[in-house]
Amino acid sequence: MDAVTPTESSPRILFIDVDGTILEHGSVIAPSTATAIRAVRERGHLVYLCTGRSAGDIHPDVAAIGFDGAITNGGAYATRGEEELFFHPMPRADVDRLTSYFEENGVHYFLQANQQVYASPGILGMMTSFLRMRAARRSEDLAHLGIDEDQQDLLNAVLTEAADRYLPVSEADRDHIAKAVFVSDRSDSVDQAQRALGERFHVIPGSMPMPGGSNGEISLRGTNKGAAIVEVLSILGLDAADAIGIGDSWNDVEMFQVCGTAVAMGGADPQLRALADHVTTGVLDDGVHNALATLGLL
């Protein structure tokens, strides 16, 4: 990361992504990350999660770090402590339109509510290769941190967790859906969805490193992390100039646009890094800690 002059001592508010920022490959956190976030809060700064995940799908090790609030579901839902600040679900007609599009085009999908994620039939079977890759990378990540675990045990744990985590899409309450995620064996599924749905929906590439095919995220147009941050800052009476955003993927673009300081993780897409004010190191190479230290928050 480029050297910068430490910020003044006035309180700041930090919005921080989860996957690829706090978590590497869905399950591993660098010890320095939790320590740094807690230290920032102890110094009087606010720290909010800002994630595309549903609140109920946040890894328990992330939640255990402790935060002042959270923006979840890609900007559709926000809390301060236990208080709900706002929830902007998709209208039922839009949810029906999305599911019809997915089913007509043979695309597997998840529907996200605030506390639950619903899976279309067959999607977990399709994602087996991805889950196996995630288990292998988790083993590598743990080894990077000096922790040894049996890879087969890790694979079994990942597969079991995925099977237990998601409910059938037939059980979804379509009046409380915030976001959709889709997975396809086609390489052009994101472009296709953008052409078919783009006038009403915000369609962006997903962050799952699939071994083949493609995946994406869909929210209502106007529902994104940046819009949610602006709304949260208004409620809290804080200035965007004092906000810091840290992220790594395309659902962080709008966050970078509204925060006074934007920090990209070392593993972020080069085009996203180009939008950032600063680039820190990788997730497991103390990226969050290094960013907060350089910005004068530690």
C-alpha atoms as a PDB file:
ATOM      1  CA  MET A   1       0.000   0.000   0.000  1.00  0.00           C
ATOM      2  CA  ASP A   2       1.202   3.508  -0.743  1.00  0.00           C
ATOM      3  CA  ALA A   3       2.250   5.513   2.301  1.00  0.00           C
ATOM      4  CA  VAL A   4      -0.232   8.198   3.334  1.00  0.00           C
ATOM      5  CA  THR A   5      -0.388  10.774   6.071  1.00  0.00           C
ATOM      6  CA  PRO A   6      -2.321   9.334   9.052  1.00  0.00           C
ATOM      7  CA  THR A   7      -5.816  10.734   9.456  1.00  0.00           C
ATOM      8  CA  GLU A   8      -6.785  13.165  12.183  1.00  0.00           C
ATOM      9  CA  SER A   9      -8.015  11.711  15.462  1.00  0.00           C
ATOM     10  CA  SER A  10     -11.717  12.435  14.814  1.00  0.00           C
ATOM     11  CA  PRO A  11     -13.894   9.307  14.693  1.00  0.00           C
ATOM     12  CA  ARG A  12     -14.208   7.570  11.332  1.00  0.00           C
ATOM     13  CA  ILE A  13     -16.671   4.972  10.083  1.00  0.00           C
ATOM     14  CA  LEU A  14     -15.372   1.882   8.302  1.00  0.00           C
ATOM     15  CA  PHE A  15     -17.464  -0.224   5.908  1.00  0.00           C
ATOM     16  CA  ILE A  16     -15.782  -3.561   5.302  1.00  0.00           C
ATOM     17  CA  ASP A  17     -16.626  -6.383   2.912  1.00  0.00           C
ATOM     18  CA  VAL A  18     -16.566 -10.039   4.035  1.00  0.00           C
ATOM     19  CA  ASP A  19     -15.575 -12.509   1.298  1.00  0.00           C
ATOM     20  CA  GLY A  20     -12.156 -11.743  -0.119  1.00  0.00           C
ATOM     21  CA  THR A  21     -11.600  -9.049   2.506  1.00  0.00           C
ATOM     22  CA  ILE A  22     -12.144 -10.511   5.986  1.00  0.00           C
ATOM     23  CA  LEU A  23     -12.556 -14.119   4.844  1.00  0.00           C
ATOM     24  CA  GLU A  24     -10.370 -15.977   2.371  1.00  0.00           C
ATOM     25  CA  HIS A  25     -12.202 -18.656   0.385  1.00  0.00           C
ATOM     26  CA  GLY A  26     -15.231 -18.497   2.610  1.00  0.00           C
ATOM     27  CA  SER A  27     -13.805 -19.684   5.900  1.00  0.00           C
ATOM     28  CA  VAL A  28     -10.302 -18.487   6.906  1.00  0.00           C
ATOM     29  CA  ILE A  29      -9.496 -15.237   8.743  1.00  0.00           C
ATOM     30  CA  ALA A  30      -6.017 -13.881   9.375  1.00  0.00           C
ATOM     31  CA  PRO A  31      -5.607 -13.445  13.163  1.00  0.00           C
ATOM     32  CA  SER A  32      -4.450  -9.853  12.639  1.00  0.00           C
ATOM     33  CA  THR A  33      -7.784  -8.967  10.999  1.00  0.00           C
ATOM     34  CA  ALA A  34      -9.909  -9.588  14.086  1.00  0.00           C
ATOM     35  CA  THR A  35      -7.326  -7.902  16.322  1.00  0.00           C
ATOM     36  CA  ALA A  36      -7.187  -4.812  14.105  1.00  0.00           C
ATOM     37  CA  ILE A  37     -10.967  -4.406  13.826  1.00  0.00           C
ATOM     38  CA  ARG A  38     -11.396  -4.662  17.596  1.00  0.00           C
ATOM     39  CA  ALA A  39      -8.582  -2.158  18.155  1.00  0.00           C
ATOM     40  CA  VAL A  40     -10.185   0.326  15.756  1.00  0.00           C
ATOM     41  CA  ARG A  41     -13.479   0.109  17.635  1.00  0.00           C
ATOM     42  CA  GLU A  42     -11.694   0.514  20.971  1.00  0.00           C
ATOM     43  CA  ARG A  43     -10.248   3.785  19.658  1.00  0.00           C
ATOM     44  CA  GLY A  44     -13.778   5.102  19.107  1.00  0.00           C
ATOM     45  CA  HIS A  45     -14.213   4.468  15.380  1.00  0.00           C
ATOM     46  CA  LEU A  46     -17.303   2.697  14.012  1.00  0.00           C
ATOM     47  CA  VAL A  47     -16.989  -0.518  12.007  1.00  0.00           C
ATOM     48  CA  TYR A  48     -19.855  -1.834   9.859  1.00  0.00           C
ATOM     49  CA  LEU A  49     -19.884  -5.009   7.818  1.00  0.00           C
ATOM     50  CA  CYS A  50     -20.833  -4.317   4.196  1.00  0.00           C
ATOM     51  CA  THR A  51     -21.518  -7.572   2.392  1.00  0.00           C
ATOM     52  CA  GLY A  52     -23.516  -9.196  -0.358  1.00  0.00           C
ATOM     53  CA  ARG A  53     -24.317 -12.065   1.984  1.00  0.00           C
ATOM     54  CA  SER A  54     -27.586 -12.337   3.882  1.00  0.00           C
ATOM     55  CA  ALA A  55     -27.326 -11.637   7.599  1.00  0.00           C
ATOM     56  CA  GLY A  56     -28.039 -15.295   8.362  1.00  0.00           C
ATOM     57  CA  ASP A  57     -25.251 -16.445   6.036  1.00  0.00           C
ATOM     58  CA  ILE A  58     -22.414 -14.503   7.673  1.00  0.00           C
ATOM     59  CA  HIS A  59     -19.731 -16.889   8.913  1.00  0.00           C
ATOM     60  CA  PRO A  60     -19.881 -17.188  12.732  1.00  0.00           C
ATOM     61  CA  ASP A  61     -16.146 -16.451  13.018  1.00  0.00           C
ATOM     62  CA  VAL A  62     -16.776 -13.124  11.283  1.00  0.00           C
ATOM     63  CA  ALA A  63     -19.749 -12.260  13.501  1.00  0.00           C
ATOM     64  CA  ALA A  64     -17.664 -13.110  16.574  1.00  0.00           C
ATOM     65  CA  ILE A  65     -15.213 -10.289  15.781  1.00  0.00           C
ATOM     66  CA  GLY A  66     -17.850  -7.743  16.818  1.00  0.00           C
ATOM     67  CA  PHE A  67     -19.219  -4.828  14.770  1.00  0.00           C
ATOM     68  CA  ASP A  68     -21.268  -1.699  15.335  1.00  0.00           C
ATOM     69  CA  GLY A  69     -23.690  -2.611  12.569  1.00  0.00           C
ATOM     70  CA  ALA A  70     -24.033  -4.244   9.182  1.00  0.00           C
ATOM     71  CA  ILE A  71     -25.173  -3.664   5.633  1.00  0.00           C
ATOM     72  CA  THR A  72     -26.140  -7.012   4.131  1.00  0.00           C
ATOM     73  CA  ASN A  73     -27.753  -8.479   1.012  1.00  0.00           C
ATOM     74  CA  GLY A  74     -25.755  -6.133  -1.191  1.00  0.00           C
ATOM     75  CA  GLY A  75     -27.347  -3.040   0.328  1.00  0.00           C
ATOM     76  CA  ALA A  76     -30.954  -4.116   0.838  1.00  0.00           C
ATOM     77  CA  TYR A  77     -30.764  -4.440   4.624  1.00  0.00           C
ATOM     78  CA  ALA A  78     -28.980  -2.536   7.394  1.00  0.00           C
ATOM     79  CA  THR A  79     -28.733  -2.735  11.163  1.00  0.00           C
ATOM     80  CA  ARG A  80     -27.136  -0.738  13.994  1.00  0.00           C
ATOM     81  CA  GLY A  81     -26.427  -3.191  16.782  1.00  0.00           C
ATOM     82  CA  GLU A  82     -29.693  -5.122  17.117  1.00  0.00           C
ATOM     83  CA  GLU A  83     -31.757  -2.270  15.631  1.00  0.00           C
ATOM     84  CA  GLU A  84     -33.034  -2.575  12.062  1.00  0.00           C
ATOM     85  CA  LEU A  85     -32.283   0.635  10.181  1.00  0.00           C
ATOM     86  CA  PHE A  86     -33.998  -0.303   6.918  1.00  0.00           C
ATOM     87  CA  PHE A  87     -35.004  -3.199   4.678  1.00  0.00           C
ATOM     88  CA  HIS A  88     -35.687  -2.803   0.955  1.00  0.00           C
ATOM     89  CA  PRO A  89     -36.988  -6.158  -0.333  1.00  0.00           C
ATOM     90  CA  MET A  90     -37.737  -6.804  -3.992  1.00  0.00           C
ATOM     91  CA  PRO A  91     -41.406  -6.460  -4.947  1.00  0.00           C
ATOM     92  CA  ARG A  92     -43.029  -9.855  -5.379  1.00  0.00           C
ATOM     93  CA  ALA A  93     -43.502  -9.294  -9.126  1.00  0.00           C
ATOM     94  CA  ASP A  94     -39.755  -8.765  -9.568  1.00  0.00           C
ATOM     95  CA  VAL A  95     -38.916 -11.941  -7.655  1.00  0.00           C
ATOM     96  CA  ASP A  96     -41.336 -13.852  -9.866  1.00  0.00           C
ATOM     97  CA  ARG A  97     -39.783 -12.331 -12.979  1.00  0.00           C
ATOM     98  CA  LEU A  98     -36.295 -13.371 -11.887  1.00  0.00           C
ATOM     99  CA  THR A  99     -37.252 -16.933 -11.052  1.00  0.00           C
ATOM    100  CA  SER A 100     -39.121 -17.261 -14.359  1.00  0.00           C
ATOM    101  CA  TYR A 101     -36.050 -16.013 -16.210  1.00  0.00           C
ATOM    102  CA  PHE A 102     -33.775 -18.479 -14.396  1.00  0.00           C
ATOM    103  CA  GLU A 103     -36.066 -21.434 -14.985  1.00  0.00           C
ATOM    104  CA  GLU A 104     -36.752 -20.601 -18.640  1.00  0.00           C
ATOM    105  CA  ASN A 105     -32.994 -20.389 -19.297  1.00  0.00           C
ATOM    106  CA  GLY A 106     -31.926 -23.417 -17.267  1.00  0.00           C
ATOM    107  CA  VAL A 107     -29.976 -21.303 -14.748  1.00  0.00           C
ATOM    108  CA  HIS A 108     -29.520 -22.483 -11.151  1.00  0.00           C
ATOM    109  CA  TYR A 109     -30.043 -19.853  -8.477  1.00  0.00           C
ATOM    110  CA  PHE A 110     -30.258 -18.801  -4.838  1.00  0.00           C
ATOM    111  CA  LEU A 111     -32.806 -16.377  -3.378  1.00  0.00           C
ATOM    112  CA  GLN A 112     -31.628 -14.406  -0.348  1.00  0.00           C
ATOM    113  CA  ALA A 113     -33.890 -13.294   2.465  1.00  0.00           C
ATOM    114  CA  ASN A 114     -32.458 -11.491   5.456  1.00  0.00           C
ATOM    115  CA  GLN A 115     -31.832 -14.556   7.596  1.00  0.00           C
ATOM    116  CA  GLN A 116     -32.096 -17.410   5.102  1.00  0.00           C
ATOM    117  CA  VAL A 117     -30.862 -18.457   1.661  1.00  0.00           C
ATOM    118  CA  TYR A 118     -33.008 -20.673  -0.598  1.00  0.00           C
ATOM    119  CA  ALA A 119     -31.514 -22.946  -3.261  1.00  0.00           C
ATOM    120  CA  SER A 120     -33.052 -24.070  -6.555  1.00  0.00           C
ATOM    121  CA  PRO A 121     -33.143 -27.841  -7.230  1.00  0.00           C
ATOM    122  CA  GLY A 122     -29.814 -29.251  -8.347  1.00  0.00           C
ATOM    123  CA  ILE A 123     -27.654 -26.216  -7.639  1.00  0.00           C
ATOM    124  CA  LEU A 124     -25.594 -27.858  -4.896  1.00  0.00           C
ATOM    125  CA  GLY A 125     -24.849 -30.820  -7.132  1.00  0.00           C
ATOM    126  CA  MET A 126     -23.664 -28.418  -9.809  1.00  0.00           C
ATOM    127  CA  MET A 127     -21.460 -26.643  -7.273  1.00  0.00           C
ATOM    128  CA  THR A 128     -19.693 -29.790  -6.057  1.00  0.00           C
ATOM    129  CA  SER A 129     -16.548 -28.942  -8.015  1.00  0.00           C
ATOM    130  CA  PHE A 130     -16.558 -25.450  -6.541  1.00  0.00           C
ATOM    131  CA  LEU A 131     -17.012 -26.816  -3.016  1.00  0.00           C
ATOM    132  CA  ARG A 132     -14.165 -29.286  -3.508  1.00  0.00           C
ATOM    133  CA  MET A 133     -11.961 -26.456  -4.731  1.00  0.00           C
ATOM    134  CA  ARG A 134     -12.959 -24.338  -1.732  1.00  0.00           C
ATOM    135  CA  ALA A 135     -11.995 -27.179   0.653  1.00  0.00           C
ATOM    136  CA  ALA A 136      -8.619 -27.559  -1.071  1.00  0.00           C
ATOM    137  CA  ARG A 137      -7.968 -23.823  -0.886  1.00  0.00           C
ATOM    138  CA  ARG A 138      -9.021 -23.728   2.758  1.00  0.00           C
ATOM    139  CA  SER A 139      -6.403 -26.385   3.454  1.00  0.00           C
ATOM    140  CA  GLU A 140      -3.810 -24.232   1.666  1.00  0.00           C
ATOM    141  CA  ASP A 141      -4.948 -21.115   3.541  1.00  0.00           C
ATOM    142  CA  LEU A 142      -4.655 -22.840   6.907  1.00  0.00           C
ATOM    143  CA  ALA A 143      -1.201 -24.131   6.003  1.00  0.00           C
ATOM    144  CA  HIS A 144      -0.252 -20.534   5.125  1.00  0.00           C
ATOM    145  CA  LEU A 145      -1.205 -19.611   8.678  1.00  0.00           C
ATOM    146  CA  GLY A 146       0.699 -22.594  10.112  1.00  0.00           C
ATOM    147  CA  ILE A 147      -2.403 -24.701  10.812  1.00  0.00           C
ATOM    148  CA  ASP A 148      -2.666 -28.317   9.629  1.00  0.00           C
ATOM    149  CA  GLU A 149      -6.042 -29.998   9.029  1.00  0.00           C
ATOM    150  CA  ASP A 150      -6.912 -33.184   7.168  1.00  0.00           C
ATOM    151  CA  GLN A 151      -8.122 -32.208   3.675  1.00  0.00           C
ATOM    152  CA  GLN A 152     -10.728 -34.987   3.477  1.00  0.00           C
ATOM    153  CA  ASP A 153     -12.189 -33.865   6.795  1.00  0.00           C
ATOM    154  CA  LEU A 154     -12.289 -30.331   5.436  1.00  0.00           C
ATOM    155  CA  LEU A 155     -14.042 -31.467   2.265  1.00  0.00           C
ATOM    156  CA  ASN A 156     -16.640 -33.411   4.240  1.00  0.00           C
ATOM    157  CA  ALA A 157     -17.237 -30.402   6.478  1.00  0.00           C
ATOM    158  CA  VAL A 158     -17.670 -28.037   3.503  1.00  0.00           C
ATOM    159  CA  LEU A 159     -20.107 -30.365   1.710  1.00  0.00           C
ATOM    160  CA  THR A 160     -22.130 -30.985   4.875  1.00  0.00           C
ATOM    161  CA  GLU A 161     -22.266 -27.285   5.698  1.00  0.00           C
ATOM    162  CA  ALA A 162     -23.554 -26.427   2.224  1.00  0.00           C
ATOM    163  CA  ALA A 163     -26.222 -29.130   2.334  1.00  0.00           C
ATOM    164  CA  ASP A 164     -27.420 -27.959   5.756  1.00  0.00           C
ATOM    165  CA  ARG A 165     -27.259 -24.219   5.150  1.00  0.00           C
ATOM    166  CA  TYR A 166     -29.777 -23.777   2.325  1.00  0.00           C
ATOM    167  CA  LEU A 167     -33.516 -24.415   2.239  1.00  0.00           C
ATOM    168  CA  PRO A 168     -35.443 -25.405  -0.918  1.00  0.00           C
ATOM    169  CA  VAL A 169     -36.508 -22.424  -3.001  1.00  0.00           C
ATOM    170  CA  SER A 170     -40.088 -23.705  -2.830  1.00  0.00           C
ATOM    171  CA  GLU A 171     -40.120 -22.659   0.853  1.00  0.00           C
ATOM    172  CA  ALA A 172     -39.077 -19.059   0.188  1.00  0.00           C
ATOM    173  CA  ASP A 173     -41.324 -16.194   1.284  1.00  0.00           C
ATOM    174  CA  ARG A 174     -41.269 -14.223  -1.954  1.00  0.00           C
ATOM    175  CA  ASP A 175     -42.420 -11.055  -0.217  1.00  0.00           C
ATOM    176  CA  HIS A 176     -39.136 -10.867   1.729  1.00  0.00           C
ATOM    177  CA  ILE A 177     -36.461 -11.572  -0.904  1.00  0.00           C
ATOM    178  CA  ALA A 178     -33.607  -9.082  -1.120  1.00  0.00           C
ATOM    179  CA  LYS A 179     -31.274 -10.469  -3.769  1.00  0.00           C
ATOM    180  CA  ALA A 180     -30.595 -13.358  -6.143  1.00  0.00           C
ATOM    181  CA  VAL A 181     -27.366 -15.196  -6.980  1.00  0.00           C
ATOM    182  CA  PHE A 182     -27.144 -17.432 -10.046  1.00  0.00           C
ATOM    183  CA  VAL A 183     -24.763 -20.116 -11.259  1.00  0.00           C
ATOM    184  CA  SER A 184     -24.562 -21.400 -14.822  1.00  0.00           C
ATOM    185  CA  ASP A 185     -22.416 -23.769 -16.824  1.00  0.00           C
ATOM    186  CA  ARG A 186     -22.422 -21.132 -19.583  1.00  0.00           C
ATOM    187  CA  SER A 187     -19.565 -18.645 -19.703  1.00  0.00           C
ATOM    188  CA  ASP A 188     -21.832 -15.829 -20.960  1.00  0.00           C
ATOM    189  CA  SER A 189     -24.616 -16.072 -18.364  1.00  0.00           C
ATOM    190  CA  VAL A 190     -23.817 -12.678 -16.805  1.00  0.00           C
ATOM    191  CA  ASP A 191     -23.864 -10.887 -20.182  1.00  0.00           C
ATOM    192  CA  GLN A 192     -27.080 -12.672 -21.096  1.00  0.00           C
ATOM    193  CA  ALA A 193     -28.762 -11.678 -17.831  1.00  0.00           C
ATOM    194  CA  GLN A 194     -27.610  -8.079 -18.216  1.00  0.00           C
ATOM    195  CA  ARG A 195     -29.199  -7.903 -21.673  1.00  0.00           C
ATOM    196  CA  ALA A 196     -32.457  -9.480 -20.556  1.00  0.00           C
ATOM    197  CA  LEU A 197     -32.864  -7.833 -17.128  1.00  0.00           C
ATOM    198  CA  GLY A 198     -30.644  -4.775 -17.033  1.00  0.00           C
ATOM    199  CA  GLU A 199     -33.321  -2.108 -17.361  1.00  0.00           C
ATOM    200  CA  ARG A 200     -34.890  -3.135 -14.041  1.00  0.00           C
ATOM    201  CA  PHE A 201     -32.121  -5.012 -12.247  1.00  0.00           C
ATOM    202  CA  HIS A 202     -28.482  -4.475 -11.275  1.00  0.00           C
ATOM    203  CA  VAL A 203     -26.627  -7.527 -12.657  1.00  0.00           C
ATOM    204  CA  ILE A 204     -22.924  -7.952 -11.849  1.00  0.00           C
ATOM    205  CA  PRO A 205     -20.393 -10.806 -11.980  1.00  0.00           C
ATOM    206  CA  GLY A 206     -20.326 -12.937  -8.841  1.00  0.00           C
ATOM    207  CA  SER A 207     -17.288 -13.638  -6.705  1.00  0.00           C
ATOM    208  CA  MET A 208     -17.415 -17.445  -6.595  1.00  0.00           C
ATOM    209  CA  PRO A 209     -14.253 -18.804  -8.291  1.00  0.00           C
ATOM    210  CA  MET A 210     -16.051 -21.504 -10.285  1.00  0.00           C
ATOM    211  CA  PRO A 211     -13.837 -23.956 -12.194  1.00  0.00           C
ATOM    212  CA  GLY A 212     -16.118 -23.540 -15.231  1.00  0.00           C
ATOM    213  CA  GLY A 213     -19.188 -21.589 -16.300  1.00  0.00           C
ATOM    214  CA  SER A 214     -20.035 -18.297 -14.620  1.00  0.00           C
ATOM    215  CA  ASN A 215     -22.027 -16.791 -11.788  1.00  0.00           C
ATOM    216  CA  GLY A 216     -23.605 -13.461 -10.967  1.00  0.00           C
ATOM    217  CA  GLU A 217     -25.542 -11.379  -8.462  1.00  0.00           C
ATOM    218  CA  ILE A 218     -28.821  -9.567  -9.096  1.00  0.00           C
ATOM    219  CA  SER A 219     -30.416  -6.786  -7.057  1.00  0.00           C
ATOM    220  CA  LEU A 220     -32.990  -4.176  -7.920  1.00  0.00           C
ATOM    221  CA  ARG A 221     -31.436  -1.298  -9.835  1.00  0.00           C
ATOM    222  CA  GLY A 222     -30.552   1.352  -7.250  1.00  0.00           C
ATOM    223  CA  THR A 223     -30.038  -1.207  -4.488  1.00  0.00           C
ATOM    224  CA  ASN A 224     -26.310  -1.509  -3.860  1.00  0.00           C
ATOM    225  CA  LYS A 225     -23.709  -1.020  -1.148  1.00  0.00           C
ATOM    226  CA  GLY A 226     -23.112   2.614  -2.068  1.00  0.00           C
ATOM    227  CA  ALA A 227     -26.778   3.604  -1.817  1.00  0.00           C
ATOM    228  CA  ALA A 228     -27.043   1.761   1.497  1.00  0.00           C
ATOM    229  CA  ILE A 229     -23.958   3.525   2.886  1.00  0.00           C
ATOM    230  CA  VAL A 230     -25.429   6.910   1.958  1.00  0.00           C
ATOM    231  CA  GLU A 231     -28.655   5.988   3.762  1.00  0.00           C
ATOM    232  CA  VAL A 232     -26.819   4.701   6.845  1.00  0.00           C
ATOM    233  CA  LEU A 233     -24.630   7.809   7.013  1.00  0.00           C
ATOM    234  CA  SER A 234     -27.753  10.004   6.829  1.00  0.00           C
ATOM    235  CA  ILE A 235     -29.366   8.099   9.705  1.00  0.00           C
ATOM    236  CA  LEU A 236     -26.184   8.323  11.790  1.00  0.00           C
ATOM    237  CA  GLY A 237     -25.606  11.974  10.927  1.00  0.00           C
ATOM    238  CA  LEU A 238     -22.112  11.278   9.577  1.00  0.00           C
ATOM    239  CA  ASP A 239     -20.204  12.687   6.613  1.00  0.00           C
ATOM    240  CA  ALA A 240     -19.177  10.491   3.676  1.00  0.00           C
ATOM    241  CA  ALA A 241     -15.754  12.180   3.808  1.00  0.00           C
ATOM    242  CA  ASP A 242     -15.139  10.349   7.099  1.00  0.00           C
ATOM    243  CA  ALA A 243     -16.163   6.962   5.648  1.00  0.00           C
ATOM    244  CA  ILE A 244     -13.658   4.299   4.618  1.00  0.00           C
ATOM    245  CA  GLY A 245     -14.624   1.374   2.383  1.00  0.00           C
ATOM    246  CA  ILE A 246     -12.537  -1.796   2.099  1.00  0.00           C
ATOM    247  CA  GLY A 247     -13.425  -4.457  -0.469  1.00  0.00           C
ATOM    248  CA  ASP A 248     -12.320  -6.657  -3.327  1.00  0.00           C
ATOM    249  CA  SER A 249     -15.124  -7.394  -5.813  1.00  0.00           C
ATOM    250  CA  TRP A 250     -17.517  -5.754  -8.241  1.00  0.00           C
ATOM    251  CA  ASN A 251     -20.293  -5.335  -5.692  1.00  0.00           C
ATOM    252  CA  ASP A 252     -17.896  -2.927  -3.937  1.00  0.00           C
ATOM    253  CA  VAL A 253     -17.736  -0.411  -6.820  1.00  0.00           C
ATOM    254  CA  GLU A 254     -20.535   1.800  -5.494  1.00  0.00           C
ATOM    255  CA  MET A 255     -19.050   1.603  -1.989  1.00  0.00           C
ATOM    256  CA  PHE A 256     -15.783   2.969  -3.378  1.00  0.00           C
ATOM    257  CA  GLN A 257     -17.678   5.751  -5.151  1.00  0.00           C
ATOM    258  CA  VAL A 258     -19.382   7.129  -2.026  1.00  0.00           C
ATOM    259  CA  CYS A 259     -16.749   6.641   0.701  1.00  0.00           C
ATOM    260  CA  GLY A 260     -14.186   9.370   1.277  1.00  0.00           C
ATOM    261  CA  THR A 261     -11.430   6.728   1.224  1.00  0.00           C
ATOM    262  CA  ALA A 262     -11.549   3.483  -0.772  1.00  0.00           C
ATOM    263  CA  VAL A 263      -9.138   0.598  -0.135  1.00  0.00           C
ATOM    264  CA  ALA A 264      -8.858  -2.447  -2.403  1.00  0.00           C
ATOM    265  CA  MET A 265      -7.501  -5.747  -1.184  1.00  0.00           C
ATOM    266  CA  GLY A 266      -4.355  -7.056  -2.836  1.00  0.00           C
ATOM    267  CA  GLY A 267      -6.304  -9.859  -4.521  1.00  0.00           C
ATOM    268  CA  ALA A 268      -8.942  -7.575  -6.030  1.00  0.00           C
ATOM    269  CA  ASP A 269      -9.547  -7.398  -9.762  1.00  0.00           C
ATOM    270  CA  PRO A 270      -7.057  -4.977 -11.377  1.00  0.00           C
ATOM    271  CA  GLN A 271      -9.904  -2.805 -12.683  1.00  0.00           C
ATOM    272  CA  LEU A 272     -11.325  -2.488  -9.167  1.00  0.00           C
ATOM    273  CA  ARG A 273      -7.897  -1.699  -7.738  1.00  0.00           C
ATOM    274  CA  ALA A 274      -7.688   1.134 -10.253  1.00  0.00           C
ATOM    275  CA  LEU A 275     -10.789   2.707  -8.652  1.00  0.00           C
ATOM    276  CA  ALA A 276      -9.294   2.619  -5.148  1.00  0.00           C
ATOM    277  CA  ASP A 277      -7.395   5.342  -3.331  1.00  0.00           C
ATOM    278  CA  HIS A 278      -5.098   2.711  -1.823  1.00  0.00           C
ATOM    279  CA  VAL A 279      -4.312  -0.973  -2.343  1.00  0.00           C
ATOM    280  CA  THR A 280      -3.361  -3.100   0.634  1.00  0.00           C
ATOM    281  CA  THR A 281      -1.912  -6.624   0.840  1.00  0.00           C
ATOM    282  CA  GLY A 282      -3.817  -9.918   0.529  1.00  0.00           C
ATOM    283  CA  VAL A 283      -6.426 -11.280   2.913  1.00  0.00           C
ATOM    284  CA  LEU A 284      -4.084 -13.697   4.685  1.00  0.00           C
ATOM    285  CA  ASP A 285      -1.100 -11.365   4.447  1.00  0.00           C
ATOM    286  CA  ASP A 286      -2.532  -8.977   7.038  1.00  0.00           C
ATOM    287  CA  GLY A 287      -4.337  -6.908   4.405  1.00  0.00           C
ATOM    288  CA  VAL A 288      -6.997  -5.421   6.684  1.00  0.00           C
ATOM    289  CA  HIS A 289      -4.515  -4.733   9.490  1.00  0.00           C
ATOM    290  CA  ASN A 290      -2.063  -3.080   7.108  1.00  0.00           C
ATOM    291  CA  ALA A 291      -4.776  -0.887   5.619  1.00  0.00           C
ATOM    292  CA  LEU A 292      -6.023   0.306   9.002  1.00  0.00           C
ATOM    293  CA  ALA A 293      -2.498   0.932  10.267  1.00  0.00           C
ATOM    294  CA  THR A 294      -1.544   2.943   7.183  1.00  0.00           C
ATOM    295  CA  LEU A 295      -4.705   5.038   7.477  1.00  0.00           C
ATOM    296  CA  GLY A 296      -3.781   5.904  11.045  1.00  0.00           C
ATOM    297  CA  LEU A 297      -6.638   4.064  12.735  1.00  0.00           C
ATOM    298  CA  LEU A 298      -4.523   1.754  14.902  1.00  0.00           C
END
